[in-house]
Amino acid sequence: YSAQKERQADPHSHAVVLDSHFSRIAYVPDLGMDLIRQFRYDPVEGKMLAAGTMRSGPTDRKALGPRYIEFHPTLPVAYVINELSSEVSVFDFDRLAAEQLLGAPDEEVASAAPTLRLRQTIRTIPDAFPG
């Protein structure tokens, strides 16, 4: 039983990060499930409603292990650190999808479209690296 399989046997959330444009969409990287969980955040009530998930990198890859997400300070771009695959995935923030999510009735939030769209994934170590 490999260490990576063990780390990905269950959900492992590592952070809650709000979008940098509205501060109303929370993203939770889940290392165990290779997902970014998306939530609509209500700052007045202090509540979050589940609003779907998206892969933390390319759909043809396994054992990505997203650990953290950070938004660019001025551009509509987010960066996801995929720890297990030693990659950084770059996502475009979809403002229209975000506006639709924020305006949706509570009963429709769970089926919201993803607000992040994968642009590219970059390895952080050379291909020849033996590990």
N, C-alpha and C. Protein backbone atom coordinates (compact mmCIF):
# COMPACT_ATOMS: atom_id res chain seq x y z
N TYR A 1 0.85 -1.18 0.00
CA TYR A 1 0.00 0.00 0.00
C TYR A 1 0.89 1.24 0.00
N SER A 2 0.86 2.02 -1.05
CA SER A 2 1.78 3.15 -1.16
C SER A 2 1.34 4.32 -0.28
N ALA A 3 2.30 5.18 0.04
CA ALA A 3 2.01 6.36 0.85
C ALA A 3 1.03 7.28 0.15
N GLN A 4 1.14 7.41 -1.18
CA GLN A 4 0.21 8.28 -1.90
C GLN A 4 -1.20 7.72 -1.86
N LYS A 5 -1.36 6.41 -2.03
CA LYS A 5 -2.69 5.81 -1.95
C LYS A 5 -3.29 6.04 -0.58
N GLU A 6 -2.46 5.93 0.44
CA GLU A 6 -2.92 6.14 1.80
C GLU A 6 -3.39 7.59 1.99
N ARG A 7 -2.63 8.54 1.46
CA ARG A 7 -2.98 9.96 1.59
C ARG A 7 -4.22 10.31 0.79
N GLN A 8 -4.54 9.49 -0.21
CA GLN A 8 -5.70 9.79 -1.04
C GLN A 8 -6.87 8.85 -0.79
N ALA A 9 -6.83 8.12 0.31
CA ALA A 9 -7.92 7.20 0.64
C ALA A 9 -9.16 7.94 1.12
N ASP A 10 -8.99 9.14 1.66
CA ASP A 10 -10.10 9.93 2.23
C ASP A 10 -9.91 11.39 1.86
N PRO A 11 -10.98 12.19 2.01
CA PRO A 11 -10.83 13.63 1.79
C PRO A 11 -9.84 14.24 2.79
N HIS A 12 -9.03 15.18 2.31
CA HIS A 12 -8.09 15.92 3.16
C HIS A 12 -8.10 17.37 2.71
N SER A 13 -8.90 18.18 3.36
CA SER A 13 -8.96 19.60 3.02
C SER A 13 -7.88 20.35 3.77
N HIS A 14 -7.23 21.29 3.10
CA HIS A 14 -6.09 21.97 3.70
C HIS A 14 -6.24 23.48 3.85
N ALA A 15 -7.22 24.08 3.22
CA ALA A 15 -7.33 25.54 3.29
C ALA A 15 -8.73 25.95 2.84
N VAL A 16 -9.12 27.14 3.23
CA VAL A 16 -10.32 27.80 2.71
C VAL A 16 -9.86 29.16 2.24
N VAL A 17 -10.00 29.41 0.93
CA VAL A 17 -9.53 30.66 0.34
C VAL A 17 -10.69 31.31 -0.41
N LEU A 18 -10.94 32.59 -0.14
CA LEU A 18 -12.00 33.32 -0.82
C LEU A 18 -11.48 33.88 -2.14
N ASP A 19 -12.38 33.97 -3.12
CA ASP A 19 -12.01 34.57 -4.40
C ASP A 19 -11.59 36.02 -4.17
N SER A 20 -10.74 36.54 -5.02
CA SER A 20 -10.19 37.89 -4.83
C SER A 20 -11.05 38.98 -5.48
N HIS A 21 -12.16 38.61 -6.11
CA HIS A 21 -12.97 39.61 -6.81
C HIS A 21 -14.23 39.98 -6.04
N PHE A 22 -14.92 39.00 -5.47
CA PHE A 22 -16.16 39.23 -4.73
C PHE A 22 -15.99 38.93 -3.24
N SER A 23 -14.99 38.12 -2.91
CA SER A 23 -14.80 37.61 -1.54
C SER A 23 -16.05 36.90 -1.03
N ARG A 24 -16.73 36.19 -1.95
CA ARG A 24 -17.98 35.50 -1.60
C ARG A 24 -18.00 34.05 -2.09
N ILE A 25 -16.93 33.64 -2.77
CA ILE A 25 -16.83 32.24 -3.20
C ILE A 25 -15.61 31.66 -2.50
N ALA A 26 -15.85 30.59 -1.74
CA ALA A 26 -14.78 29.94 -1.00
C ALA A 26 -14.33 28.70 -1.76
N TYR A 27 -13.03 28.50 -1.81
CA TYR A 27 -12.44 27.34 -2.48
C TYR A 27 -11.68 26.52 -1.44
N VAL A 28 -11.88 25.21 -1.48
CA VAL A 28 -11.24 24.31 -0.52
C VAL A 28 -10.52 23.21 -1.29
N PRO A 29 -9.19 23.25 -1.37
CA PRO A 29 -8.45 22.17 -2.03
C PRO A 29 -8.57 20.88 -1.20
N ASP A 30 -8.86 19.79 -1.87
CA ASP A 30 -9.01 18.49 -1.20
C ASP A 30 -7.94 17.54 -1.73
N LEU A 31 -6.85 17.41 -0.98
CA LEU A 31 -5.71 16.60 -1.40
C LEU A 31 -6.11 15.14 -1.64
N GLY A 32 -7.01 14.62 -0.83
CA GLY A 32 -7.40 13.22 -0.93
C GLY A 32 -8.25 12.88 -2.14
N MET A 33 -9.02 13.84 -2.63
CA MET A 33 -9.95 13.57 -3.72
C MET A 33 -9.56 14.23 -5.04
N ASP A 34 -8.42 14.93 -5.09
CA ASP A 34 -7.96 15.64 -6.30
C ASP A 34 -8.98 16.67 -6.78
N LEU A 35 -9.64 17.33 -5.85
CA LEU A 35 -10.69 18.29 -6.19
C LEU A 35 -10.46 19.64 -5.52
N ILE A 36 -11.06 20.65 -6.12
CA ILE A 36 -11.25 21.94 -5.47
C ILE A 36 -12.75 22.02 -5.21
N ARG A 37 -13.12 22.10 -3.95
CA ARG A 37 -14.53 22.25 -3.59
C ARG A 37 -14.87 23.74 -3.62
N GLN A 38 -16.05 24.05 -4.14
CA GLN A 38 -16.49 25.43 -4.32
C GLN A 38 -17.71 25.65 -3.42
N PHE A 39 -17.74 26.79 -2.72
CA PHE A 39 -18.84 27.13 -1.83
C PHE A 39 -19.25 28.57 -2.03
N ARG A 40 -20.55 28.85 -1.87
CA ARG A 40 -20.99 30.24 -1.83
C ARG A 40 -20.95 30.67 -0.36
N TYR A 41 -20.23 31.73 -0.09
CA TYR A 41 -20.04 32.21 1.27
C TYR A 41 -20.91 33.42 1.53
N ASP A 42 -21.63 33.38 2.64
CA ASP A 42 -22.47 34.50 3.07
C ASP A 42 -21.79 35.16 4.26
N PRO A 43 -21.15 36.32 4.07
CA PRO A 43 -20.41 36.95 5.16
C PRO A 43 -21.31 37.48 6.29
N VAL A 44 -22.56 37.76 5.99
CA VAL A 44 -23.48 38.26 7.02
C VAL A 44 -23.88 37.13 7.96
N GLU A 45 -24.26 35.99 7.39
CA GLU A 45 -24.68 34.83 8.19
C GLU A 45 -23.50 33.96 8.63
N GLY A 46 -22.36 34.12 7.96
CA GLY A 46 -21.21 33.29 8.28
C GLY A 46 -21.38 31.85 7.83
N LYS A 47 -22.20 31.63 6.79
CA LYS A 47 -22.49 30.28 6.30
C LYS A 47 -21.92 30.06 4.91
N MET A 48 -21.67 28.79 4.61
CA MET A 48 -21.23 28.41 3.27
C MET A 48 -22.19 27.36 2.74
N LEU A 49 -22.54 27.46 1.47
CA LEU A 49 -23.36 26.47 0.78
C LEU A 49 -22.50 25.77 -0.26
N ALA A 50 -22.49 24.45 -0.26
CA ALA A 50 -21.73 23.69 -1.26
C ALA A 50 -22.22 24.05 -2.65
N ALA A 51 -21.27 24.31 -3.55
CA ALA A 51 -21.60 24.77 -4.90
C ALA A 51 -20.82 23.98 -5.95
N GLY A 52 -20.58 22.70 -5.69
CA GLY A 52 -19.94 21.86 -6.68
C GLY A 52 -18.44 21.73 -6.49
N THR A 53 -17.83 21.01 -7.43
CA THR A 53 -16.39 20.75 -7.38
C THR A 53 -15.80 20.87 -8.77
N MET A 54 -14.47 20.94 -8.82
CA MET A 54 -13.74 20.90 -10.08
C MET A 54 -12.43 20.17 -9.83
N ARG A 55 -11.90 19.53 -10.86
CA ARG A 55 -10.60 18.86 -10.75
C ARG A 55 -9.51 19.90 -10.49
N SER A 56 -8.48 19.48 -9.79
CA SER A 56 -7.39 20.40 -9.48
C SER A 56 -6.31 20.44 -10.55
N GLY A 57 -6.54 19.73 -11.64
CA GLY A 57 -5.58 19.70 -12.75
C GLY A 57 -6.18 18.94 -13.90
N PRO A 58 -5.35 18.48 -14.83
CA PRO A 58 -5.84 17.77 -16.02
C PRO A 58 -6.67 16.53 -15.66
N THR A 59 -7.72 16.30 -16.42
CA THR A 59 -8.64 15.19 -16.14
C THR A 59 -8.01 13.82 -16.37
N ASP A 60 -6.94 13.75 -17.15
CA ASP A 60 -6.32 12.45 -17.43
C ASP A 60 -5.25 12.07 -16.40
N ARG A 61 -5.09 12.86 -15.34
CA ARG A 61 -4.06 12.58 -14.33
C ARG A 61 -4.70 12.14 -13.02
N LYS A 62 -3.96 11.30 -12.29
CA LYS A 62 -4.39 10.88 -10.96
C LYS A 62 -3.31 11.27 -9.97
N ALA A 63 -3.67 11.23 -8.70
CA ALA A 63 -2.75 11.57 -7.61
C ALA A 63 -2.15 12.96 -7.79
N LEU A 64 -3.02 13.95 -7.98
CA LEU A 64 -2.57 15.33 -8.08
C LEU A 64 -2.26 15.91 -6.70
N GLY A 65 -3.18 15.72 -5.77
CA GLY A 65 -2.96 16.17 -4.40
C GLY A 65 -2.97 17.67 -4.21
N PRO A 66 -4.08 18.36 -4.53
CA PRO A 66 -4.10 19.81 -4.34
C PRO A 66 -3.97 20.19 -2.86
N ARG A 67 -3.01 21.04 -2.55
CA ARG A 67 -2.77 21.45 -1.17
C ARG A 67 -3.24 22.88 -0.91
N TYR A 68 -3.04 23.78 -1.90
CA TYR A 68 -3.35 25.19 -1.64
C TYR A 68 -3.75 25.88 -2.93
N ILE A 69 -4.55 26.93 -2.80
CA ILE A 69 -4.96 27.77 -3.93
C ILE A 69 -4.71 29.22 -3.55
N GLU A 70 -4.24 29.98 -4.51
CA GLU A 70 -4.00 31.41 -4.29
C GLU A 70 -4.41 32.17 -5.54
N PHE A 71 -5.02 33.34 -5.34
CA PHE A 71 -5.44 34.18 -6.46
C PHE A 71 -4.38 35.24 -6.75
N HIS A 72 -4.21 35.55 -8.03
CA HIS A 72 -3.36 36.65 -8.44
C HIS A 72 -3.95 37.93 -7.85
N PRO A 73 -3.11 38.88 -7.43
CA PRO A 73 -3.65 40.08 -6.78
C PRO A 73 -4.47 41.00 -7.69
N THR A 74 -4.24 40.96 -9.01
CA THR A 74 -4.99 41.86 -9.89
C THR A 74 -5.66 41.16 -11.07
N LEU A 75 -5.12 40.04 -11.52
CA LEU A 75 -5.68 39.34 -12.67
C LEU A 75 -6.71 38.30 -12.22
N PRO A 76 -7.66 37.95 -13.10
CA PRO A 76 -8.64 36.92 -12.76
C PRO A 76 -8.06 35.51 -12.95
N VAL A 77 -7.05 35.19 -12.13
CA VAL A 77 -6.30 33.94 -12.26
C VAL A 77 -6.07 33.36 -10.87
N ALA A 78 -6.16 32.02 -10.79
CA ALA A 78 -5.86 31.32 -9.54
C ALA A 78 -4.80 30.27 -9.81
N TYR A 79 -3.98 30.00 -8.81
CA TYR A 79 -2.90 29.01 -8.91
C TYR A 79 -3.16 27.94 -7.86
N VAL A 80 -3.10 26.68 -8.28
CA VAL A 80 -3.31 25.56 -7.38
C VAL A 80 -2.02 24.76 -7.29
N ILE A 81 -1.53 24.54 -6.08
CA ILE A 81 -0.35 23.72 -5.84
C ILE A 81 -0.81 22.28 -5.72
N ASN A 82 -0.43 21.43 -6.67
CA ASN A 82 -0.72 20.00 -6.62
C ASN A 82 0.51 19.30 -6.05
N GLU A 83 0.45 19.00 -4.77
CA GLU A 83 1.62 18.50 -4.04
C GLU A 83 2.09 17.13 -4.52
N LEU A 84 1.17 16.20 -4.71
CA LEU A 84 1.58 14.83 -5.03
C LEU A 84 2.15 14.68 -6.44
N SER A 85 1.66 15.49 -7.38
CA SER A 85 2.17 15.42 -8.75
C SER A 85 3.29 16.43 -9.00
N SER A 86 3.63 17.24 -8.01
CA SER A 86 4.66 18.28 -8.14
C SER A 86 4.37 19.19 -9.33
N GLU A 87 3.15 19.72 -9.34
CA GLU A 87 2.71 20.60 -10.43
C GLU A 87 1.96 21.81 -9.87
N VAL A 88 1.93 22.86 -10.68
CA VAL A 88 1.09 24.02 -10.41
C VAL A 88 0.09 24.11 -11.55
N SER A 89 -1.19 24.14 -11.21
CA SER A 89 -2.23 24.32 -12.22
C SER A 89 -2.72 25.76 -12.17
N VAL A 90 -2.86 26.36 -13.34
CA VAL A 90 -3.29 27.75 -13.47
C VAL A 90 -4.73 27.75 -13.98
N PHE A 91 -5.59 28.49 -13.29
CA PHE A 91 -7.01 28.55 -13.64
C PHE A 91 -7.42 29.98 -13.94
N ASP A 92 -8.30 30.14 -14.92
CA ASP A 92 -8.96 31.42 -15.16
C ASP A 92 -10.18 31.49 -14.27
N PHE A 93 -10.40 32.64 -13.63
CA PHE A 93 -11.60 32.87 -12.82
C PHE A 93 -12.69 33.33 -13.77
N ASP A 94 -13.79 32.58 -13.82
CA ASP A 94 -14.91 32.88 -14.72
C ASP A 94 -15.89 33.81 -14.00
N ARG A 95 -15.76 35.09 -14.27
CA ARG A 95 -16.58 36.10 -13.58
C ARG A 95 -18.07 35.90 -13.84
N LEU A 96 -18.45 35.53 -15.05
CA LEU A 96 -19.86 35.32 -15.36
C LEU A 96 -20.43 34.15 -14.55
N ALA A 97 -19.71 33.04 -14.51
CA ALA A 97 -20.15 31.89 -13.71
C ALA A 97 -20.22 32.27 -12.23
N ALA A 98 -19.27 33.10 -11.76
CA ALA A 98 -19.28 33.55 -10.37
C ALA A 98 -20.52 34.40 -10.09
N GLU A 99 -20.83 35.32 -10.99
CA GLU A 99 -22.02 36.16 -10.81
C GLU A 99 -23.30 35.32 -10.79
N GLN A 100 -23.36 34.29 -11.65
CA GLN A 100 -24.52 33.40 -11.66
C GLN A 100 -24.63 32.63 -10.35
N LEU A 101 -23.50 32.14 -9.85
CA LEU A 101 -23.50 31.43 -8.57
C LEU A 101 -23.97 32.34 -7.44
N LEU A 102 -23.46 33.55 -7.39
CA LEU A 102 -23.81 34.47 -6.31
C LEU A 102 -25.27 34.90 -6.37
N GLY A 103 -25.86 34.93 -7.56
CA GLY A 103 -27.25 35.34 -7.71
C GLY A 103 -28.25 34.20 -7.68
N ALA A 104 -27.78 32.96 -7.63
CA ALA A 104 -28.66 31.80 -7.68
C ALA A 104 -29.43 31.62 -6.37
N PRO A 105 -30.68 31.12 -6.46
CA PRO A 105 -31.41 30.76 -5.23
C PRO A 105 -30.67 29.63 -4.51
N ASP A 106 -30.80 29.57 -3.19
CA ASP A 106 -30.09 28.57 -2.39
C ASP A 106 -30.27 27.16 -2.93
N GLU A 107 -31.46 26.82 -3.37
CA GLU A 107 -31.73 25.44 -3.82
C GLU A 107 -31.02 25.09 -5.13
N GLU A 108 -30.48 26.08 -5.84
CA GLU A 108 -29.77 25.83 -7.09
C GLU A 108 -28.25 25.90 -6.96
N VAL A 109 -27.77 26.30 -5.79
CA VAL A 109 -26.33 26.51 -5.60
C VAL A 109 -25.53 25.22 -5.78
N ALA A 110 -26.06 24.09 -5.30
CA ALA A 110 -25.33 22.82 -5.37
C ALA A 110 -25.00 22.41 -6.80
N SER A 111 -25.79 22.85 -7.77
CA SER A 111 -25.55 22.46 -9.16
C SER A 111 -24.91 23.59 -9.98
N ALA A 112 -24.26 24.53 -9.29
CA ALA A 112 -23.64 25.67 -9.97
C ALA A 112 -22.48 25.20 -10.86
N ALA A 113 -22.26 25.96 -11.92
CA ALA A 113 -21.12 25.69 -12.81
C ALA A 113 -19.82 26.04 -12.10
N PRO A 114 -18.73 25.36 -12.44
CA PRO A 114 -17.43 25.73 -11.86
C PRO A 114 -17.07 27.17 -12.22
N THR A 115 -16.47 27.87 -11.30
CA THR A 115 -16.05 29.25 -11.54
C THR A 115 -14.57 29.35 -11.89
N LEU A 116 -13.88 28.22 -11.90
CA LEU A 116 -12.49 28.18 -12.32
C LEU A 116 -12.36 27.28 -13.54
N ARG A 117 -11.59 27.73 -14.54
CA ARG A 117 -11.37 26.98 -15.78
C ARG A 117 -9.86 26.75 -15.94
N LEU A 118 -9.49 25.48 -16.07
CA LEU A 118 -8.07 25.13 -16.19
C LEU A 118 -7.46 25.75 -17.45
N ARG A 119 -6.37 26.46 -17.27
CA ARG A 119 -5.64 27.06 -18.39
C ARG A 119 -4.40 26.24 -18.72
N GLN A 120 -3.60 25.89 -17.70
CA GLN A 120 -2.39 25.12 -17.95
C GLN A 120 -1.92 24.47 -16.65
N THR A 121 -1.08 23.47 -16.80
CA THR A 121 -0.45 22.81 -15.67
C THR A 121 1.04 22.71 -15.96
N ILE A 122 1.84 23.09 -14.97
CA ILE A 122 3.29 23.16 -15.13
C ILE A 122 3.95 22.29 -14.06
N ARG A 123 4.89 21.46 -14.49
CA ARG A 123 5.66 20.66 -13.53
C ARG A 123 6.63 21.55 -12.79
N THR A 124 6.87 21.24 -11.53
CA THR A 124 7.78 22.06 -10.73
C THR A 124 9.15 21.42 -10.55
N ILE A 125 9.32 20.21 -11.09
CA ILE A 125 10.62 19.54 -11.04
C ILE A 125 10.95 19.04 -12.45
N PRO A 126 12.23 18.89 -12.76
CA PRO A 126 12.61 18.43 -14.11
C PRO A 126 12.11 17.02 -14.40
N ASP A 127 11.84 16.73 -15.68
CA ASP A 127 11.37 15.40 -16.08
C ASP A 127 12.36 14.30 -15.70
N ALA A 128 13.63 14.61 -15.68
CA ALA A 128 14.66 13.62 -15.38
C ALA A 128 14.81 13.33 -13.88
N PHE A 129 14.07 14.04 -13.05
CA PHE A 129 14.17 13.85 -11.60
C PHE A 129 13.74 12.44 -11.23
N PRO A 130 14.55 11.69 -10.47
CA PRO A 130 14.25 10.29 -10.20
C PRO A 130 13.11 10.05 -9.21
N GLY A 131 12.68 11.07 -8.44
CA GLY A 131 11.66 10.88 -7.40
C GLY A 131 10.34 10.98 -7.98
